[in-house]
Amino acid sequence: GSIPGSTELEIKVGRYIAEKLIHKYGLVKDKEAVILLNTLGRSLSKNTSRTDLPFLFGILDSDEITAFACPGGIILLTKFLIRSVQHTSELLGI
């Protein structure tokens, strides 16, 4: 189906912001960690009211403890944040 104009714009803005963050920090290239994060995130995102968004999750190469929720369903967590959690439930809470 087609994406409504406002959602399409939201996705474009989110990608722009994500590109800036990725340019600043870089992405972690740990394929298994990225697959796990996307599996967890997408299972959680199915319970949102925004099923129209193509949720994407990535790991920024940063030693800061932070996460970014960009418009359009792009979620970026830092590697240090991920290393700081003790259990998967904590990661899901973030």
PDB file of N, CA and C in Angstrom:
ATOM      1  N   GLY A   1       0.816  -1.185   0.000  1.00  0.00           N
ATOM      2  CA  GLY A   1       0.000   0.000   0.000  1.00  0.00           C
ATOM      3  C   GLY A   1       0.856   1.243   0.000  1.00  0.00           C
ATOM      4  N   SER A   2       0.234   2.343  -0.306  1.00  0.00           N
ATOM      5  CA  SER A   2       0.984   3.590  -0.322  1.00  0.00           C
ATOM      6  C   SER A   2       1.071   4.169   1.089  1.00  0.00           C
ATOM      7  N   ILE A   3       2.110   4.933   1.305  1.00  0.00           N
ATOM      8  CA  ILE A   3       2.338   5.559   2.598  1.00  0.00           C
ATOM      9  C   ILE A   3       1.771   6.966   2.542  1.00  0.00           C
ATOM     10  N   PRO A   4       0.952   7.364   3.531  1.00  0.00           N
ATOM     11  CA  PRO A   4       0.425   8.728   3.537  1.00  0.00           C
ATOM     12  C   PRO A   4       1.570   9.748   3.534  1.00  0.00           C
ATOM     13  N   GLY A   5       1.326  10.923   2.953  1.00  0.00           N
ATOM     14  CA  GLY A   5       2.351  11.952   2.814  1.00  0.00           C
ATOM     15  C   GLY A   5       3.021  12.342   4.113  1.00  0.00           C
ATOM     16  N   SER A   6       2.255  12.488   5.197  1.00  0.00           N
ATOM     17  CA  SER A   6       2.845  12.897   6.469  1.00  0.00           C
ATOM     18  C   SER A   6       3.769  11.816   7.021  1.00  0.00           C
ATOM     19  N   THR A   7       3.412  10.556   6.848  1.00  0.00           N
ATOM     20  CA  THR A   7       4.265   9.457   7.307  1.00  0.00           C
ATOM     21  C   THR A   7       5.520   9.388   6.456  1.00  0.00           C
ATOM     22  N   GLU A   8       5.383   9.588   5.161  1.00  0.00           N
ATOM     23  CA  GLU A   8       6.536   9.586   4.264  1.00  0.00           C
ATOM     24  C   GLU A   8       7.527  10.685   4.658  1.00  0.00           C
ATOM     25  N   LEU A   9       7.004  11.869   4.978  1.00  0.00           N
ATOM     26  CA  LEU A   9       7.854  12.979   5.412  1.00  0.00           C
ATOM     27  C   LEU A   9       8.530  12.643   6.743  1.00  0.00           C
ATOM     28  N   GLU A  10       7.777  12.056   7.643  1.00  0.00           N
ATOM     29  CA  GLU A  10       8.331  11.654   8.940  1.00  0.00           C
ATOM     30  C   GLU A  10       9.497  10.683   8.759  1.00  0.00           C
ATOM     31  N   ILE A  11       9.348   9.717   7.871  1.00  0.00           N
ATOM     32  CA  ILE A  11      10.399   8.742   7.595  1.00  0.00           C
ATOM     33  C   ILE A  11      11.621   9.438   7.000  1.00  0.00           C
ATOM     34  N   LYS A  12      11.413  10.374   6.079  1.00  0.00           N
ATOM     35  CA  LYS A  12      12.531  11.102   5.470  1.00  0.00           C
ATOM     36  C   LYS A  12      13.289  11.920   6.507  1.00  0.00           C
ATOM     37  N   VAL A  13      12.567  12.600   7.375  1.00  0.00           N
ATOM     38  CA  VAL A  13      13.204  13.396   8.432  1.00  0.00           C
ATOM     39  C   VAL A  13      13.996  12.488   9.369  1.00  0.00           C
ATOM     40  N   GLY A  14      13.410  11.364   9.735  1.00  0.00           N
ATOM     41  CA  GLY A  14      14.086  10.413  10.606  1.00  0.00           C
ATOM     42  C   GLY A  14      15.359   9.870   9.995  1.00  0.00           C
ATOM     43  N   ARG A  15      15.319   9.562   8.720  1.00  0.00           N
ATOM     44  CA  ARG A  15      16.518   9.060   8.035  1.00  0.00           C
ATOM     45  C   ARG A  15      17.609  10.125   7.995  1.00  0.00           C
ATOM     46  N   TYR A  16      17.204  11.374   7.788  1.00  0.00           N
ATOM     47  CA  TYR A  16      18.166  12.483   7.773  1.00  0.00           C
ATOM     48  C   TYR A  16      18.853  12.606   9.132  1.00  0.00           C
ATOM     49  N   ILE A  17      18.066  12.581  10.196  1.00  0.00           N
ATOM     50  CA  ILE A  17      18.625  12.682  11.546  1.00  0.00           C
ATOM     51  C   ILE A  17      19.519  11.480  11.839  1.00  0.00           C
ATOM     52  N   ALA A  18      19.060  10.294  11.499  1.00  0.00           N
ATOM     53  CA  ALA A  18      19.845   9.074  11.730  1.00  0.00           C
ATOM     54  C   ALA A  18      21.176   9.138  10.983  1.00  0.00           C
ATOM     55  N   GLU A  19      21.155   9.630   9.748  1.00  0.00           N
ATOM     56  CA  GLU A  19      22.400   9.757   8.972  1.00  0.00           C
ATOM     57  C   GLU A  19      23.388  10.672   9.682  1.00  0.00           C
ATOM     58  N   LYS A  20      22.891  11.771  10.248  1.00  0.00           N
ATOM     59  CA  LYS A  20      23.762  12.701  10.983  1.00  0.00           C
ATOM     60  C   LYS A  20      24.368  12.017  12.204  1.00  0.00           C
ATOM     61  N   LEU A  21      23.563  11.257  12.942  1.00  0.00           N
ATOM     62  CA  LEU A  21      24.060  10.553  14.120  1.00  0.00           C
ATOM     63  C   LEU A  21      25.076   9.479  13.742  1.00  0.00           C
ATOM     64  N   ILE A  22      24.787   8.752  12.672  1.00  0.00           N
ATOM     65  CA  ILE A  22      25.697   7.704  12.210  1.00  0.00           C
ATOM     66  C   ILE A  22      27.010   8.318  11.724  1.00  0.00           C
ATOM     67  N   HIS A  23      26.927   9.456  11.069  1.00  0.00           N
ATOM     68  CA  HIS A  23      28.137  10.142  10.616  1.00  0.00           C
ATOM     69  C   HIS A  23      28.976  10.580  11.816  1.00  0.00           C
ATOM     70  N   LYS A  24      28.311  11.039  12.872  1.00  0.00           N
ATOM     71  CA  LYS A  24      29.015  11.517  14.068  1.00  0.00           C
ATOM     72  C   LYS A  24      29.671  10.371  14.839  1.00  0.00           C
ATOM     73  N   TYR A  25      28.934   9.277  15.048  1.00  0.00           N
ATOM     74  CA  TYR A  25      29.399   8.197  15.919  1.00  0.00           C
ATOM     75  C   TYR A  25      29.916   6.962  15.171  1.00  0.00           C
ATOM     76  N   GLY A  26      29.379   6.688  14.020  1.00  0.00           N
ATOM     77  CA  GLY A  26      29.661   5.435  13.334  1.00  0.00           C
ATOM     78  C   GLY A  26      28.751   4.339  13.855  1.00  0.00           C
ATOM     79  N   LEU A  27      28.650   3.261  13.098  1.00  0.00           N
ATOM     80  CA  LEU A  27      27.808   2.131  13.493  1.00  0.00           C
ATOM     81  C   LEU A  27      28.681   0.950  13.903  1.00  0.00           C
ATOM     82  N   VAL A  28      28.220   0.217  14.885  1.00  0.00           N
ATOM     83  CA  VAL A  28      28.878  -1.024  15.291  1.00  0.00           C
ATOM     84  C   VAL A  28      28.556  -2.072  14.232  1.00  0.00           C
ATOM     85  N   LYS A  29      29.535  -2.807  13.803  1.00  0.00           N
ATOM     86  CA  LYS A  29      29.366  -3.775  12.718  1.00  0.00           C
ATOM     87  C   LYS A  29      29.187  -5.208  13.231  1.00  0.00           C
ATOM     88  N   ASP A  30      28.756  -5.352  14.475  1.00  0.00           N
ATOM     89  CA  ASP A  30      28.529  -6.674  15.068  1.00  0.00           C
ATOM     90  C   ASP A  30      27.185  -7.199  14.576  1.00  0.00           C
ATOM     91  N   LYS A  31      27.242  -8.039  13.548  1.00  0.00           N
ATOM     92  CA  LYS A  31      26.026  -8.509  12.870  1.00  0.00           C
ATOM     93  C   LYS A  31      25.064  -9.203  13.840  1.00  0.00           C
ATOM     94  N   GLU A  32      25.586 -10.077  14.701  1.00  0.00           N
ATOM     95  CA  GLU A  32      24.726 -10.806  15.640  1.00  0.00           C
ATOM     96  C   GLU A  32      24.010  -9.858  16.605  1.00  0.00           C
ATOM     97  N   ALA A  33      24.733  -8.857  17.121  1.00  0.00           N
ATOM     98  CA  ALA A  33      24.131  -7.899  18.052  1.00  0.00           C
ATOM     99  C   ALA A  33      23.046  -7.076  17.368  1.00  0.00           C
ATOM    100  N   VAL A  34      23.307  -6.667  16.131  1.00  0.00           N
ATOM    101  CA  VAL A  34      22.325  -5.870  15.384  1.00  0.00           C
ATOM    102  C   VAL A  34      21.083  -6.701  15.075  1.00  0.00           C
ATOM    103  N   ILE A  35      21.274  -7.964  14.701  1.00  0.00           N
ATOM    104  CA  ILE A  35      20.133  -8.849  14.431  1.00  0.00           C
ATOM    105  C   ILE A  35      19.312  -9.048  15.701  1.00  0.00           C
ATOM    106  N   LEU A  36      19.976  -9.291  16.821  1.00  0.00           N
ATOM    107  CA  LEU A  36      19.268  -9.462  18.095  1.00  0.00           C
ATOM    108  C   LEU A  36      18.485  -8.210  18.454  1.00  0.00           C
ATOM    109  N   LEU A  37      19.123  -7.038  18.341  1.00  0.00           N
ATOM    110  CA  LEU A  37      18.449  -5.784  18.665  1.00  0.00           C
ATOM    111  C   LEU A  37      17.237  -5.563  17.772  1.00  0.00           C
ATOM    112  N   ASN A  38      17.374  -5.831  16.475  1.00  0.00           N
ATOM    113  CA  ASN A  38      16.251  -5.650  15.552  1.00  0.00           C
ATOM    114  C   ASN A  38      15.140  -6.657  15.813  1.00  0.00           C
ATOM    115  N   THR A  39      15.485  -7.878  16.160  1.00  0.00           N
ATOM    116  CA  THR A  39      14.478  -8.888  16.488  1.00  0.00           C
ATOM    117  C   THR A  39      13.681  -8.468  17.712  1.00  0.00           C
ATOM    118  N   LEU A  40      14.385  -8.042  18.758  1.00  0.00           N
ATOM    119  CA  LEU A  40      13.716  -7.588  19.983  1.00  0.00           C
ATOM    120  C   LEU A  40      12.873  -6.345  19.710  1.00  0.00           C
ATOM    121  N   GLY A  41      13.472  -5.383  19.033  1.00  0.00           N
ATOM    122  CA  GLY A  41      12.782  -4.122  18.767  1.00  0.00           C
ATOM    123  C   GLY A  41      11.556  -4.277  17.903  1.00  0.00           C
ATOM    124  N   ARG A  42      11.664  -5.084  16.866  1.00  0.00           N
ATOM    125  CA  ARG A  42      10.513  -5.265  15.975  1.00  0.00           C
ATOM    126  C   ARG A  42       9.391  -6.035  16.656  1.00  0.00           C
ATOM    127  N   SER A  43       9.738  -6.972  17.531  1.00  0.00           N
ATOM    128  CA  SER A  43       8.679  -7.684  18.252  1.00  0.00           C
ATOM    129  C   SER A  43       7.949  -6.723  19.189  1.00  0.00           C
ATOM    130  N   LEU A  44       8.685  -5.800  19.773  1.00  0.00           N
ATOM    131  CA  LEU A  44       8.073  -4.800  20.647  1.00  0.00           C
ATOM    132  C   LEU A  44       7.263  -3.785  19.842  1.00  0.00           C
ATOM    133  N   SER A  45       7.781  -3.398  18.673  1.00  0.00           N
ATOM    134  CA  SER A  45       7.113  -2.369  17.872  1.00  0.00           C
ATOM    135  C   SER A  45       5.782  -2.840  17.293  1.00  0.00           C
ATOM    136  N   LYS A  46       5.568  -4.149  17.231  1.00  0.00           N
ATOM    137  CA  LYS A  46       4.286  -4.665  16.740  1.00  0.00           C
ATOM    138  C   LYS A  46       3.139  -4.284  17.660  1.00  0.00           C
ATOM    139  N   ASN A  47       3.463  -3.909  18.894  1.00  0.00           N
ATOM    140  CA  ASN A  47       2.445  -3.539  19.879  1.00  0.00           C
ATOM    141  C   ASN A  47       2.197  -2.040  19.935  1.00  0.00           C
ATOM    142  N   THR A  48       2.757  -1.288  18.986  1.00  0.00           N
ATOM    143  CA  THR A  48       2.545   0.156  18.984  1.00  0.00           C
ATOM    144  C   THR A  48       1.364   0.511  18.086  1.00  0.00           C
ATOM    145  N   SER A  49       0.949   1.749  18.192  1.00  0.00           N
ATOM    146  CA  SER A  49      -0.114   2.232  17.308  1.00  0.00           C
ATOM    147  C   SER A  49       0.447   2.648  15.949  1.00  0.00           C
ATOM    148  N   ARG A  50       1.783   2.589  15.797  1.00  0.00           N
ATOM    149  CA  ARG A  50       2.431   3.026  14.562  1.00  0.00           C
ATOM    150  C   ARG A  50       2.924   1.850  13.730  1.00  0.00           C
ATOM    151  N   THR A  51       2.045   0.954  13.425  1.00  0.00           N
ATOM    152  CA  THR A  51       2.416  -0.198  12.605  1.00  0.00           C
ATOM    153  C   THR A  51       2.713   0.204  11.158  1.00  0.00           C
ATOM    154  N   ASP A  52       2.475   1.480  10.827  1.00  0.00           N
ATOM    155  CA  ASP A  52       2.761   1.982   9.482  1.00  0.00           C
ATOM    156  C   ASP A  52       4.239   2.323   9.294  1.00  0.00           C
ATOM    157  N   LEU A  53       5.019   2.270  10.361  1.00  0.00           N
ATOM    158  CA  LEU A  53       6.432   2.638  10.274  1.00  0.00           C
ATOM    159  C   LEU A  53       7.324   1.407  10.123  1.00  0.00           C
ATOM    160  N   PRO A  54       8.366   1.522   9.294  1.00  0.00           N
ATOM    161  CA  PRO A  54       9.324   0.425   9.145  1.00  0.00           C
ATOM    162  C   PRO A  54      10.407   0.539  10.218  1.00  0.00           C
ATOM    163  N   PHE A  55      10.125   0.094  11.426  1.00  0.00           N
ATOM    164  CA  PHE A  55      11.059   0.261  12.535  1.00  0.00           C
ATOM    165  C   PHE A  55      12.417  -0.356  12.221  1.00  0.00           C
ATOM    166  N   LEU A  56      13.464   0.420  12.469  1.00  0.00           N
ATOM    167  CA  LEU A  56      14.845  -0.005  12.263  1.00  0.00           C
ATOM    168  C   LEU A  56      15.638   0.320  13.522  1.00  0.00           C
ATOM    169  N   PHE A  57      16.537  -0.567  13.887  1.00  0.00           N
ATOM    170  CA  PHE A  57      17.318  -0.402  15.108  1.00  0.00           C
ATOM    171  C   PHE A  57      18.794  -0.540  14.770  1.00  0.00           C
ATOM    172  N   GLY A  58      19.616   0.308  15.384  1.00  0.00           N
ATOM    173  CA  GLY A  58      21.047   0.250  15.126  1.00  0.00           C
ATOM    174  C   GLY A  58      21.836   0.552  16.387  1.00  0.00           C
ATOM    175  N   ILE A  59      23.121   0.230  16.338  1.00  0.00           N
ATOM    176  CA  ILE A  59      24.007   0.432  17.480  1.00  0.00           C
ATOM    177  C   ILE A  59      25.084   1.434  17.073  1.00  0.00           C
ATOM    178  N   LEU A  60      25.093   2.574  17.763  1.00  0.00           N
ATOM    179  CA  LEU A  60      26.099   3.595  17.505  1.00  0.00           C
ATOM    180  C   LEU A  60      27.385   3.262  18.246  1.00  0.00           C
ATOM    181  N   ASP A  61      28.503   3.536  17.617  1.00  0.00           N
ATOM    182  CA  ASP A  61      29.817   3.255  18.188  1.00  0.00           C
ATOM    183  C   ASP A  61      30.212   4.398  19.130  1.00  0.00           C
ATOM    184  N   SER A  62      29.625   4.385  20.320  1.00  0.00           N
ATOM    185  CA  SER A  62      29.855   5.454  21.288  1.00  0.00           C
ATOM    186  C   SER A  62      29.937   4.888  22.699  1.00  0.00           C
ATOM    187  N   ASP A  63      30.793   5.512  23.509  1.00  0.00           N
ATOM    188  CA  ASP A  63      30.917   5.125  24.909  1.00  0.00           C
ATOM    189  C   ASP A  63      30.027   5.972  25.811  1.00  0.00           C
ATOM    190  N   GLU A  64      29.071   6.661  25.249  1.00  0.00           N
ATOM    191  CA  GLU A  64      28.061   7.384  26.018  1.00  0.00           C
ATOM    192  C   GLU A  64      26.915   6.425  26.319  1.00  0.00           C
ATOM    193  N   ILE A  65      26.223   6.685  27.397  1.00  0.00           N
ATOM    194  CA  ILE A  65      25.026   5.896  27.702  1.00  0.00           C
ATOM    195  C   ILE A  65      23.831   6.720  27.243  1.00  0.00           C
ATOM    196  N   THR A  66      23.380   6.434  26.025  1.00  0.00           N
ATOM    197  CA  THR A  66      22.255   7.181  25.480  1.00  0.00           C
ATOM    198  C   THR A  66      21.594   6.404  24.349  1.00  0.00           C
ATOM    199  N   ALA A  67      20.424   6.865  23.989  1.00  0.00           N
ATOM    200  CA  ALA A  67      19.677   6.289  22.874  1.00  0.00           C
ATOM    201  C   ALA A  67      18.950   7.424  22.165  1.00  0.00           C
ATOM    202  N   PHE A  68      18.675   7.222  20.896  1.00  0.00           N
ATOM    203  CA  PHE A  68      17.984   8.223  20.088  1.00  0.00           C
ATOM    204  C   PHE A  68      16.792   7.565  19.407  1.00  0.00           C
ATOM    205  N   ALA A  69      15.637   8.180  19.540  1.00  0.00           N
ATOM    206  CA  ALA A  69      14.444   7.741  18.828  1.00  0.00           C
ATOM    207  C   ALA A  69      14.167   8.788  17.750  1.00  0.00           C
ATOM    208  N   CYS A  70      14.543   8.477  16.531  1.00  0.00           N
ATOM    209  CA  CYS A  70      14.352   9.407  15.422  1.00  0.00           C
ATOM    210  C   CYS A  70      12.923   9.272  14.885  1.00  0.00           C
ATOM    211  N   PRO A  71      12.408  10.336  14.298  1.00  0.00           N
ATOM    212  CA  PRO A  71      11.098  10.219  13.656  1.00  0.00           C
ATOM    213  C   PRO A  71      11.114   9.093  12.620  1.00  0.00           C
ATOM    214  N   GLY A  72       9.974   8.506  12.380  1.00  0.00           N
ATOM    215  CA  GLY A  72       9.871   7.488  11.350  1.00  0.00           C
ATOM    216  C   GLY A  72      10.260   6.094  11.787  1.00  0.00           C
ATOM    217  N   GLY A  73      10.519   5.898  13.085  1.00  0.00           N
ATOM    218  CA  GLY A  73      10.758   4.547  13.586  1.00  0.00           C
ATOM    219  C   GLY A  73      12.200   4.085  13.606  1.00  0.00           C
ATOM    220  N   ILE A  74      13.155   5.016  13.533  1.00  0.00           N
ATOM    221  CA  ILE A  74      14.570   4.631  13.609  1.00  0.00           C
ATOM    222  C   ILE A  74      15.042   4.833  15.045  1.00  0.00           C
ATOM    223  N   ILE A  75      15.494   3.752  15.664  1.00  0.00           N
ATOM    224  CA  ILE A  75      15.947   3.765  17.050  1.00  0.00           C
ATOM    225  C   ILE A  75      17.429   3.405  17.062  1.00  0.00           C
ATOM    226  N   LEU A  76      18.240   4.279  17.664  1.00  0.00           N
ATOM    227  CA  LEU A  76      19.684   4.057  17.732  1.00  0.00           C
ATOM    228  C   LEU A  76      20.119   4.052  19.189  1.00  0.00           C
ATOM    229  N   LEU A  77      20.782   2.999  19.590  1.00  0.00           N
ATOM    230  CA  LEU A  77      21.308   2.876  20.944  1.00  0.00           C
ATOM    231  C   LEU A  77      22.824   2.855  20.863  1.00  0.00           C
ATOM    232  N   THR A  78      23.487   3.344  21.896  1.00  0.00           N
ATOM    233  CA  THR A  78      24.944   3.299  21.890  1.00  0.00           C
ATOM    234  C   THR A  78      25.432   1.948  22.387  1.00  0.00           C
ATOM    235  N   LYS A  79      26.637   1.576  21.940  1.00  0.00           N
ATOM    236  CA  LYS A  79      27.206   0.289  22.352  1.00  0.00           C
ATOM    237  C   LYS A  79      27.412   0.241  23.860  1.00  0.00           C
ATOM    238  N   PHE A  80      27.765   1.387  24.458  1.00  0.00           N
ATOM    239  CA  PHE A  80      27.989   1.400  25.901  1.00  0.00           C
ATOM    240  C   PHE A  80      26.683   1.204  26.659  1.00  0.00           C
ATOM    241  N   LEU A  81      25.596   1.761  26.147  1.00  0.00           N
ATOM    242  CA  LEU A  81      24.288   1.545  26.771  1.00  0.00           C
ATOM    243  C   LEU A  81      23.933   0.072  26.739  1.00  0.00           C
ATOM    244  N   ILE A  82      24.137  -0.556  25.615  1.00  0.00           N
ATOM    245  CA  ILE A  82      23.809  -1.977  25.478  1.00  0.00           C
ATOM    246  C   ILE A  82      24.676  -2.817  26.420  1.00  0.00           C
ATOM    247  N   ARG A  83      25.960  -2.465  26.522  1.00  0.00           N
ATOM    248  CA  ARG A  83      26.849  -3.200  27.432  1.00  0.00           C
ATOM    249  C   ARG A  83      26.473  -2.980  28.891  1.00  0.00           C
ATOM    250  N   SER A  84      25.792  -1.884  29.182  1.00  0.00           N
ATOM    251  CA  SER A  84      25.448  -1.534  30.565  1.00  0.00           C
ATOM    252  C   SER A  84      24.245  -2.294  31.102  1.00  0.00           C
ATOM    253  N   VAL A  85      23.418  -2.826  30.230  1.00  0.00           N
ATOM    254  CA  VAL A  85      22.223  -3.528  30.702  1.00  0.00           C
ATOM    255  C   VAL A  85      22.595  -4.935  31.167  1.00  0.00           C
ATOM    256  N   GLN A  86      21.890  -5.391  32.176  1.00  0.00           N
ATOM    257  CA  GLN A  86      22.149  -6.711  32.750  1.00  0.00           C
ATOM    258  C   GLN A  86      21.298  -7.801  32.091  1.00  0.00           C
ATOM    259  N   HIS A  87      20.075  -7.431  31.692  1.00  0.00           N
ATOM    260  CA  HIS A  87      19.126  -8.414  31.169  1.00  0.00           C
ATOM    261  C   HIS A  87      18.412  -7.850  29.939  1.00  0.00           C
ATOM    262  N   THR A  88      17.905  -8.737  29.113  1.00  0.00           N
ATOM    263  CA  THR A  88      17.156  -8.341  27.930  1.00  0.00           C
ATOM    264  C   THR A  88      15.960  -7.467  28.304  1.00  0.00           C
ATOM    265  N   SER A  89      15.345  -7.735  29.460  1.00  0.00           N
ATOM    266  CA  SER A  89      14.191  -6.942  29.878  1.00  0.00           C
ATOM    267  C   SER A  89      14.569  -5.467  30.073  1.00  0.00           C
ATOM    268  N   GLU A  90      15.787  -5.205  30.548  1.00  0.00           N
ATOM    269  CA  GLU A  90      16.242  -3.837  30.705  1.00  0.00           C
ATOM    270  C   GLU A  90      16.385  -3.165  29.334  1.00  0.00           C
ATOM    271  N   LEU A  91      16.906  -3.909  28.387  1.00  0.00           N
ATOM    272  CA  LEU A  91      17.056  -3.381  27.029  1.00  0.00           C
ATOM    273  C   LEU A  91      15.693  -3.078  26.423  1.00  0.00           C
ATOM    274  N   LEU A  92      14.734  -3.956  26.640  1.00  0.00           N
ATOM    275  CA  LEU A  92      13.371  -3.720  26.140  1.00  0.00           C
ATOM    276  C   LEU A  92      12.748  -2.502  26.803  1.00  0.00           C
ATOM    277  N   GLY A  93      13.075  -2.262  28.055  1.00  0.00           N
ATOM    278  CA  GLY A  93      12.556  -1.099  28.767  1.00  0.00           C
ATOM    279  C   GLY A  93      13.059   0.215  28.175  1.00  0.00           C
ATOM    280  N   ILE A  94      14.255   0.178  27.646  1.00  0.00           N
ATOM    281  CA  ILE A  94      14.839   1.377  27.031  1.00  0.00           C
ATOM    282  C   ILE A  94      14.107   1.667  25.746  1.00  0.00           C
TER     283      ILE A  94
END
